Amino acid sequence: MSIPSLERWRTGPLYTIREASRLAEVSPQTVQRWISGYEASRKHMSPVFGDPIESPLVSFLELAEIVTVSKFRRKKVPLERVRSAHKIARAQMGLEYPFASLRLEVFVRHIVIVPSESNPWSSLAVLDSPGVWTLPGIVSELLHQGFEYKDDLASRWFPLGKGVPIVVDPRYAAGVPTIPDRGVTIATIKDRFKMGQSINFIAKDLVLQRDQVEAVIRFADKIAA
């Protein structure tokens, strides 16, 4: 799937491995292995996303895929199944970023991903085939956890859900987490709090609820750790 040149805001390099790992809540080493693969002591692990990503920076869409894989792993989905699902979706639908695309949800309604543990490329099967493991049950759930889409591709992400005013939007503030429609980074709010401004003052200034400001400060602390 080609990306129009006017949409390079979500395909251009933007996040360091460390920044991506903090947002995805996994270690930098894990992110590096997912995007580059791993070779050590006769052990080989292929990249999760197809060809190795050689750049020291990842794009917003690559970040979205990393975040989605992190969610799959927290659901205990084996990494090989995740890798195979990504490969099949790219091959069958021509999706460059299948885990950042709404079209993946449509795809998995009709195709079973990785029906065989011993030979994951043995075949594809329709969903109503009995006794076959599938991804679809959690794909829909994960795709709708905080992502918004433009032209079927992720365009921005609410890491704590849309009920908490924190958004990662590659069009603003170089893609760092901000307050939606305010243009204020969460790091700025954290700094204001540490400099002595009260939560009530910050909430009133930004037209937010006190508990929302508290959630922003906690999240800012977590991703800065």
C-alpha atoms as a PDB file:
ATOM      1  CA  MET A   1       0.000   0.000   0.000  1.00  0.00           C
ATOM      2  CA  SER A   2       1.600   3.275  -1.066  1.00  0.00           C
ATOM      3  CA  ILE A   3       1.530   6.253   1.272  1.00  0.00           C
ATOM      4  CA  PRO A   4       0.857   9.624  -0.375  1.00  0.00           C
ATOM      5  CA  SER A   5       3.788  12.024  -0.075  1.00  0.00           C
ATOM      6  CA  LEU A   6       1.590  14.465   1.830  1.00  0.00           C
ATOM      7  CA  GLU A   7       1.278  11.879   4.603  1.00  0.00           C
ATOM      8  CA  ARG A   8       4.947  11.491   5.423  1.00  0.00           C
ATOM      9  CA  TRP A   9       4.098  12.903   8.840  1.00  0.00           C
ATOM     10  CA  ARG A  10       3.280   9.368   9.911  1.00  0.00           C
ATOM     11  CA  THR A  11       5.858   7.438   7.894  1.00  0.00           C
ATOM     12  CA  GLY A  12       8.972   9.539   8.520  1.00  0.00           C
ATOM     13  CA  PRO A  13      11.508   8.773  11.318  1.00  0.00           C
ATOM     14  CA  LEU A  14      10.336  10.287  14.574  1.00  0.00           C
ATOM     15  CA  TYR A  15      10.918   8.199  17.729  1.00  0.00           C
ATOM     16  CA  THR A  16      14.091   6.745  19.188  1.00  0.00           C
ATOM     17  CA  ILE A  17      14.021   3.098  20.220  1.00  0.00           C
ATOM     18  CA  ARG A  18      13.997   4.213  23.844  1.00  0.00           C
ATOM     19  CA  GLU A  19      11.051   6.567  23.296  1.00  0.00           C
ATOM     20  CA  ALA A  20       9.125   3.864  21.460  1.00  0.00           C
ATOM     21  CA  SER A  21       9.833   1.326  24.189  1.00  0.00           C
ATOM     22  CA  ARG A  22       8.541   3.636  26.917  1.00  0.00           C
ATOM     23  CA  LEU A  23       5.342   4.356  25.036  1.00  0.00           C
ATOM     24  CA  ALA A  24       4.829   0.652  24.261  1.00  0.00           C
ATOM     25  CA  GLU A  25       5.755  -0.344  27.833  1.00  0.00           C
ATOM     26  CA  VAL A  26       8.425  -2.848  26.843  1.00  0.00           C
ATOM     27  CA  SER A  27      12.199  -2.739  27.106  1.00  0.00           C
ATOM     28  CA  PRO A  28      14.373  -1.046  24.450  1.00  0.00           C
ATOM     29  CA  GLN A  29      16.050  -4.425  23.877  1.00  0.00           C
ATOM     30  CA  THR A  30      12.677  -6.003  23.109  1.00  0.00           C
ATOM     31  CA  VAL A  31      11.768  -3.274  20.614  1.00  0.00           C
ATOM     32  CA  GLN A  32      15.161  -3.624  18.945  1.00  0.00           C
ATOM     33  CA  ARG A  33      14.681  -7.369  18.549  1.00  0.00           C
ATOM     34  CA  TRP A  34      11.178  -6.912  17.165  1.00  0.00           C
ATOM     35  CA  ILE A  35      12.330  -4.469  14.480  1.00  0.00           C
ATOM     36  CA  SER A  36      15.802  -5.859  13.691  1.00  0.00           C
ATOM     37  CA  GLY A  37      15.790  -9.519  14.645  1.00  0.00           C
ATOM     38  CA  TYR A  38      18.342 -11.214  16.839  1.00  0.00           C
ATOM     39  CA  GLU A  39      21.391 -13.433  16.371  1.00  0.00           C
ATOM     40  CA  ALA A  40      23.380 -14.832  19.286  1.00  0.00           C
ATOM     41  CA  SER A  41      24.856 -18.197  20.307  1.00  0.00           C
ATOM     42  CA  ARG A  42      23.307 -20.023  17.349  1.00  0.00           C
ATOM     43  CA  LYS A  43      19.919 -18.551  18.233  1.00  0.00           C
ATOM     44  CA  HIS A  44      18.040 -16.690  15.519  1.00  0.00           C
ATOM     45  CA  MET A  45      14.948 -14.513  15.817  1.00  0.00           C
ATOM     46  CA  SER A  46      13.520 -12.882  12.695  1.00  0.00           C
ATOM     47  CA  PRO A  47      12.099  -9.351  12.844  1.00  0.00           C
ATOM     48  CA  VAL A  48       8.394  -9.223  13.658  1.00  0.00           C
ATOM     49  CA  PHE A  49       7.674  -6.647  10.958  1.00  0.00           C
ATOM     50  CA  GLY A  50       9.268  -8.191   7.887  1.00  0.00           C
ATOM     51  CA  ASP A  51      12.483  -6.565   6.711  1.00  0.00           C
ATOM     52  CA  PRO A  52      14.786  -5.300   9.475  1.00  0.00           C
ATOM     53  CA  ILE A  53      14.405  -1.605  10.297  1.00  0.00           C
ATOM     54  CA  GLU A  54      17.918  -0.221  10.121  1.00  0.00           C
ATOM     55  CA  SER A  55      17.143   3.384  11.064  1.00  0.00           C
ATOM     56  CA  PRO A  56      17.812   4.426  14.690  1.00  0.00           C
ATOM     57  CA  LEU A  57      14.387   6.105  14.577  1.00  0.00           C
ATOM     58  CA  VAL A  58      10.939   4.640  13.954  1.00  0.00           C
ATOM     59  CA  SER A  59       7.924   6.341  12.385  1.00  0.00           C
ATOM     60  CA  PHE A  60       4.521   6.867  13.974  1.00  0.00           C
ATOM     61  CA  LEU A  61       3.073   3.922  12.027  1.00  0.00           C
ATOM     62  CA  GLU A  62       5.976   1.726  13.128  1.00  0.00           C
ATOM     63  CA  LEU A  63       5.348   2.891  16.693  1.00  0.00           C
ATOM     64  CA  ALA A  64       1.670   1.950  16.290  1.00  0.00           C
ATOM     65  CA  GLU A  65       2.705  -1.549  15.203  1.00  0.00           C
ATOM     66  CA  ILE A  66       5.127  -1.868  18.114  1.00  0.00           C
ATOM     67  CA  VAL A  67       2.372  -0.802  20.518  1.00  0.00           C
ATOM     68  CA  THR A  68      -0.031  -3.341  19.008  1.00  0.00           C
ATOM     69  CA  VAL A  69       2.501  -6.173  19.270  1.00  0.00           C
ATOM     70  CA  SER A  70       3.066  -5.195  22.891  1.00  0.00           C
ATOM     71  CA  LYS A  71      -0.676  -5.538  23.463  1.00  0.00           C
ATOM     72  CA  PHE A  72      -0.718  -8.944  21.741  1.00  0.00           C
ATOM     73  CA  ARG A  73       2.109 -10.117  23.971  1.00  0.00           C
ATOM     74  CA  ARG A  74       0.315  -8.941  27.108  1.00  0.00           C
ATOM     75  CA  LYS A  75      -2.571 -11.119  25.932  1.00  0.00           C
ATOM     76  CA  LYS A  76      -0.094 -14.042  25.862  1.00  0.00           C
ATOM     77  CA  VAL A  77      -0.185 -14.435  22.064  1.00  0.00           C
ATOM     78  CA  PRO A  78       3.009 -16.283  21.041  1.00  0.00           C
ATOM     79  CA  LEU A  79       5.408 -14.029  19.171  1.00  0.00           C
ATOM     80  CA  GLU A  80       5.692 -16.462  16.235  1.00  0.00           C
ATOM     81  CA  ARG A  81       1.956 -16.246  15.695  1.00  0.00           C
ATOM     82  CA  VAL A  82       2.099 -12.461  15.787  1.00  0.00           C
ATOM     83  CA  ARG A  83       4.998 -12.467  13.310  1.00  0.00           C
ATOM     84  CA  SER A  84       3.167 -14.849  10.987  1.00  0.00           C
ATOM     85  CA  ALA A  85      -0.060 -12.819  11.161  1.00  0.00           C
ATOM     86  CA  HIS A  86       1.872  -9.709  10.141  1.00  0.00           C
ATOM     87  CA  LYS A  87       3.540 -11.510   7.239  1.00  0.00           C
ATOM     88  CA  ILE A  88       0.315 -13.039   5.944  1.00  0.00           C
ATOM     89  CA  ALA A  89      -1.567  -9.738   6.147  1.00  0.00           C
ATOM     90  CA  ARG A  90       1.190  -7.972   4.219  1.00  0.00           C
ATOM     91  CA  ALA A  91       1.259 -10.662   1.545  1.00  0.00           C
ATOM     92  CA  GLN A  92      -2.490 -11.170   1.188  1.00  0.00           C
ATOM     93  CA  MET A  93      -3.643  -7.550   1.431  1.00  0.00           C
ATOM     94  CA  GLY A  94      -0.598  -5.543   0.416  1.00  0.00           C
ATOM     95  CA  LEU A  95      -0.601  -3.715   3.739  1.00  0.00           C
ATOM     96  CA  GLU A  96       2.741  -2.143   4.557  1.00  0.00           C
ATOM     97  CA  TYR A  97       1.660  -1.564   8.165  1.00  0.00           C
ATOM     98  CA  PRO A  98      -1.019  -4.198   8.884  1.00  0.00           C
ATOM     99  CA  PHE A  99      -0.990  -3.726  12.668  1.00  0.00           C
ATOM    100  CA  ALA A 100      -1.634  -0.007  12.170  1.00  0.00           C
ATOM    101  CA  SER A 101      -4.462  -0.532   9.672  1.00  0.00           C
ATOM    102  CA  LEU A 102      -8.193  -0.910  10.151  1.00  0.00           C
ATOM    103  CA  ARG A 103      -8.206  -3.257   7.167  1.00  0.00           C
ATOM    104  CA  LEU A 104      -6.572  -5.911   9.354  1.00  0.00           C
ATOM    105  CA  GLU A 105      -9.832  -6.252  11.260  1.00  0.00           C
ATOM    106  CA  VAL A 106     -11.725  -6.949   8.026  1.00  0.00           C
ATOM    107  CA  PHE A 107      -9.024  -9.401   6.926  1.00  0.00           C
ATOM    108  CA  VAL A 108      -9.062 -11.538  10.051  1.00  0.00           C
ATOM    109  CA  ARG A 109     -12.824 -11.930   9.959  1.00  0.00           C
ATOM    110  CA  HIS A 110     -12.307 -14.153   6.928  1.00  0.00           C
ATOM    111  CA  ILE A 111      -8.901 -15.723   7.442  1.00  0.00           C
ATOM    112  CA  VAL A 112      -7.486 -17.811  10.259  1.00  0.00           C
ATOM    113  CA  ILE A 113      -3.919 -16.814  11.051  1.00  0.00           C
ATOM    114  CA  VAL A 114      -1.378 -19.581  11.721  1.00  0.00           C
ATOM    115  CA  PRO A 115      -3.499 -22.735  11.992  1.00  0.00           C
ATOM    116  CA  SER A 116      -0.536 -25.030  12.621  1.00  0.00           C
ATOM    117  CA  GLU A 117       2.019 -24.795  15.421  1.00  0.00           C
ATOM    118  CA  SER A 118       4.508 -27.128  13.729  1.00  0.00           C
ATOM    119  CA  ASN A 119       4.134 -25.650  10.238  1.00  0.00           C
ATOM    120  CA  PRO A 120       2.637 -22.129  10.431  1.00  0.00           C
ATOM    121  CA  TRP A 121       2.709 -21.764   6.635  1.00  0.00           C
ATOM    122  CA  SER A 122       0.920 -25.016   5.885  1.00  0.00           C
ATOM    123  CA  SER A 123      -2.411 -23.443   4.964  1.00  0.00           C
ATOM    124  CA  LEU A 124      -5.009 -20.773   5.574  1.00  0.00           C
ATOM    125  CA  ALA A 125      -8.494 -21.693   6.750  1.00  0.00           C
ATOM    126  CA  VAL A 126     -11.845 -19.949   6.973  1.00  0.00           C
ATOM    127  CA  LEU A 127     -13.002 -18.843  10.405  1.00  0.00           C
ATOM    128  CA  ASP A 128     -15.776 -21.387  10.793  1.00  0.00           C
ATOM    129  CA  SER A 129     -13.332 -24.284  10.586  1.00  0.00           C
ATOM    130  CA  PRO A 130     -13.600 -26.060  13.963  1.00  0.00           C
ATOM    131  CA  GLY A 131     -10.745 -26.446  16.388  1.00  0.00           C
ATOM    132  CA  VAL A 132      -8.413 -23.897  14.811  1.00  0.00           C
ATOM    133  CA  TRP A 133      -6.664 -21.192  16.826  1.00  0.00           C
ATOM    134  CA  THR A 134      -7.412 -17.640  15.645  1.00  0.00           C
ATOM    135  CA  LEU A 135      -6.349 -14.044  16.223  1.00  0.00           C
ATOM    136  CA  PRO A 136      -9.665 -12.340  15.371  1.00  0.00           C
ATOM    137  CA  GLY A 137     -11.154 -12.364  18.862  1.00  0.00           C
ATOM    138  CA  ILE A 138      -8.566  -9.894  20.116  1.00  0.00           C
ATOM    139  CA  VAL A 139      -7.712  -8.039  16.911  1.00  0.00           C
ATOM    140  CA  SER A 140     -10.881  -5.949  17.022  1.00  0.00           C
ATOM    141  CA  GLU A 141     -10.388  -5.234  20.708  1.00  0.00           C
ATOM    142  CA  LEU A 142      -6.775  -4.150  20.285  1.00  0.00           C
ATOM    143  CA  LEU A 143      -7.284  -2.067  17.146  1.00  0.00           C
ATOM    144  CA  HIS A 144      -9.855   0.072  18.905  1.00  0.00           C
ATOM    145  CA  GLN A 145      -7.914   0.668  22.120  1.00  0.00           C
ATOM    146  CA  GLY A 146      -7.084   4.321  21.731  1.00  0.00           C
ATOM    147  CA  PHE A 147      -6.223   4.587  18.020  1.00  0.00           C
ATOM    148  CA  GLU A 148      -7.878   6.954  15.572  1.00  0.00           C
ATOM    149  CA  TYR A 149      -7.555   6.372  11.831  1.00  0.00           C
ATOM    150  CA  LYS A 150      -7.309   8.396   8.631  1.00  0.00           C
ATOM    151  CA  ASP A 151      -7.666   6.554   5.324  1.00  0.00           C
ATOM    152  CA  ASP A 152      -7.601   3.234   7.244  1.00  0.00           C
ATOM    153  CA  LEU A 153      -4.199   3.939   8.827  1.00  0.00           C
ATOM    154  CA  ALA A 154      -3.510   5.037  12.402  1.00  0.00           C
ATOM    155  CA  SER A 155      -3.322   8.819  12.605  1.00  0.00           C
ATOM    156  CA  ARG A 156      -3.141   9.412  16.345  1.00  0.00           C
ATOM    157  CA  TRP A 157      -3.190   7.417  19.553  1.00  0.00           C
ATOM    158  CA  PHE A 158      -4.647   7.950  23.022  1.00  0.00           C
ATOM    159  CA  PRO A 159      -2.357   5.712  25.136  1.00  0.00           C
ATOM    160  CA  LEU A 160      -4.686   5.654  28.157  1.00  0.00           C
ATOM    161  CA  GLY A 161      -7.889   5.632  26.125  1.00  0.00           C
ATOM    162  CA  LYS A 162      -9.947   8.561  24.933  1.00  0.00           C
ATOM    163  CA  GLY A 163     -11.230   9.258  28.435  1.00  0.00           C
ATOM    164  CA  VAL A 164      -7.801  10.577  29.424  1.00  0.00           C
ATOM    165  CA  PRO A 165      -6.598  13.731  27.621  1.00  0.00           C
ATOM    166  CA  ILE A 166      -3.238  12.447  26.399  1.00  0.00           C
ATOM    167  CA  VAL A 167      -2.637  12.030  22.677  1.00  0.00           C
ATOM    168  CA  VAL A 168       0.323  10.960  20.551  1.00  0.00           C
ATOM    169  CA  ASP A 169      -0.132  12.791  17.257  1.00  0.00           C
ATOM    170  CA  PRO A 170       2.802  12.895  14.808  1.00  0.00           C
ATOM    171  CA  ARG A 171       1.524  16.195  13.392  1.00  0.00           C
ATOM    172  CA  TYR A 172       2.101  18.096  16.624  1.00  0.00           C
ATOM    173  CA  ALA A 173       5.029  18.625  18.998  1.00  0.00           C
ATOM    174  CA  ALA A 174       7.219  16.171  17.055  1.00  0.00           C
ATOM    175  CA  GLY A 175       4.910  13.343  18.081  1.00  0.00           C
ATOM    176  CA  VAL A 176       5.487  13.538  21.831  1.00  0.00           C
ATOM    177  CA  PRO A 177       2.426  13.085  24.083  1.00  0.00           C
ATOM    178  CA  THR A 178       0.353  16.250  24.340  1.00  0.00           C
ATOM    179  CA  ILE A 179      -3.000  17.461  25.633  1.00  0.00           C
ATOM    180  CA  PRO A 180      -5.509  17.239  22.759  1.00  0.00           C
ATOM    181  CA  ASP A 181      -6.483  20.589  21.235  1.00  0.00           C
ATOM    182  CA  ARG A 182      -4.168  22.453  23.614  1.00  0.00           C
ATOM    183  CA  GLY A 183      -0.751  21.921  22.037  1.00  0.00           C
ATOM    184  CA  VAL A 184       0.727  21.489  25.522  1.00  0.00           C
ATOM    185  CA  THR A 185       3.079  18.569  26.081  1.00  0.00           C
ATOM    186  CA  ILE A 186       2.537  16.383  29.108  1.00  0.00           C
ATOM    187  CA  ALA A 187       6.176  17.011  30.030  1.00  0.00           C
ATOM    188  CA  THR A 188       5.330  20.714  30.331  1.00  0.00           C
ATOM    189  CA  ILE A 189       2.474  19.941  32.708  1.00  0.00           C
ATOM    190  CA  LYS A 190       4.735  17.730  34.775  1.00  0.00           C
ATOM    191  CA  ASP A 191       7.321  20.534  34.939  1.00  0.00           C
ATOM    192  CA  ARG A 192       4.670  23.066  35.977  1.00  0.00           C
ATOM    193  CA  PHE A 193       3.599  20.771  38.802  1.00  0.00           C
ATOM    194  CA  LYS A 194       7.188  20.214  39.958  1.00  0.00           C
ATOM    195  CA  MET A 195       7.770  23.972  39.917  1.00  0.00           C
ATOM    196  CA  GLY A 196       4.985  24.395  42.468  1.00  0.00           C
ATOM    197  CA  GLN A 197       1.803  24.999  40.498  1.00  0.00           C
ATOM    198  CA  SER A 198      -1.092  23.181  42.113  1.00  0.00           C
ATOM    199  CA  ILE A 199      -3.080  20.527  40.308  1.00  0.00           C
ATOM    200  CA  ASN A 200      -6.221  22.628  40.746  1.00  0.00           C
ATOM    201  CA  PHE A 201      -4.523  25.651  39.128  1.00  0.00           C
ATOM    202  CA  ILE A 202      -3.257  23.584  36.172  1.00  0.00           C
ATOM    203  CA  ALA A 203      -6.688  21.991  35.743  1.00  0.00           C
ATOM    204  CA  LYS A 204      -8.434  25.353  35.687  1.00  0.00           C
ATOM    205  CA  ASP A 205      -5.848  26.847  33.325  1.00  0.00           C
ATOM    206  CA  LEU A 206      -6.204  23.999  30.812  1.00  0.00           C
ATOM    207  CA  VAL A 207      -9.937  23.426  31.342  1.00  0.00           C
ATOM    208  CA  LEU A 208      -9.371  19.881  32.595  1.00  0.00           C
ATOM    209  CA  GLN A 209     -10.619  17.876  35.536  1.00  0.00           C
ATOM    210  CA  ARG A 210      -8.338  17.422  38.531  1.00  0.00           C
ATOM    211  CA  ASP A 211      -8.222  13.645  38.064  1.00  0.00           C
ATOM    212  CA  GLN A 212      -7.264  14.143  34.421  1.00  0.00           C
ATOM    213  CA  VAL A 213      -4.295  16.311  35.400  1.00  0.00           C
ATOM    214  CA  GLU A 214      -3.259  13.714  37.971  1.00  0.00           C
ATOM    215  CA  ALA A 215      -3.395  10.991  35.284  1.00  0.00           C
ATOM    216  CA  VAL A 216      -1.306  13.154  32.930  1.00  0.00           C
ATOM    217  CA  ILE A 217       1.376  13.693  35.576  1.00  0.00           C
ATOM    218  CA  ARG A 218       1.506   9.977  36.428  1.00  0.00           C
ATOM    219  CA  PHE A 219       1.861   9.057  32.760  1.00  0.00           C
ATOM    220  CA  ALA A 220       4.552  11.691  32.222  1.00  0.00           C
ATOM    221  CA  ASP A 221       6.501  10.249  35.157  1.00  0.00           C
ATOM    222  CA  LYS A 222       6.140   6.703  33.819  1.00  0.00           C
ATOM    223  CA  ILE A 223       7.402   7.366  30.303  1.00  0.00           C
ATOM    224  CA  ALA A 224      10.258   9.541  31.604  1.00  0.00           C
ATOM    225  CA  ALA A 225      11.529   6.856  33.997  1.00  0.00           C
END
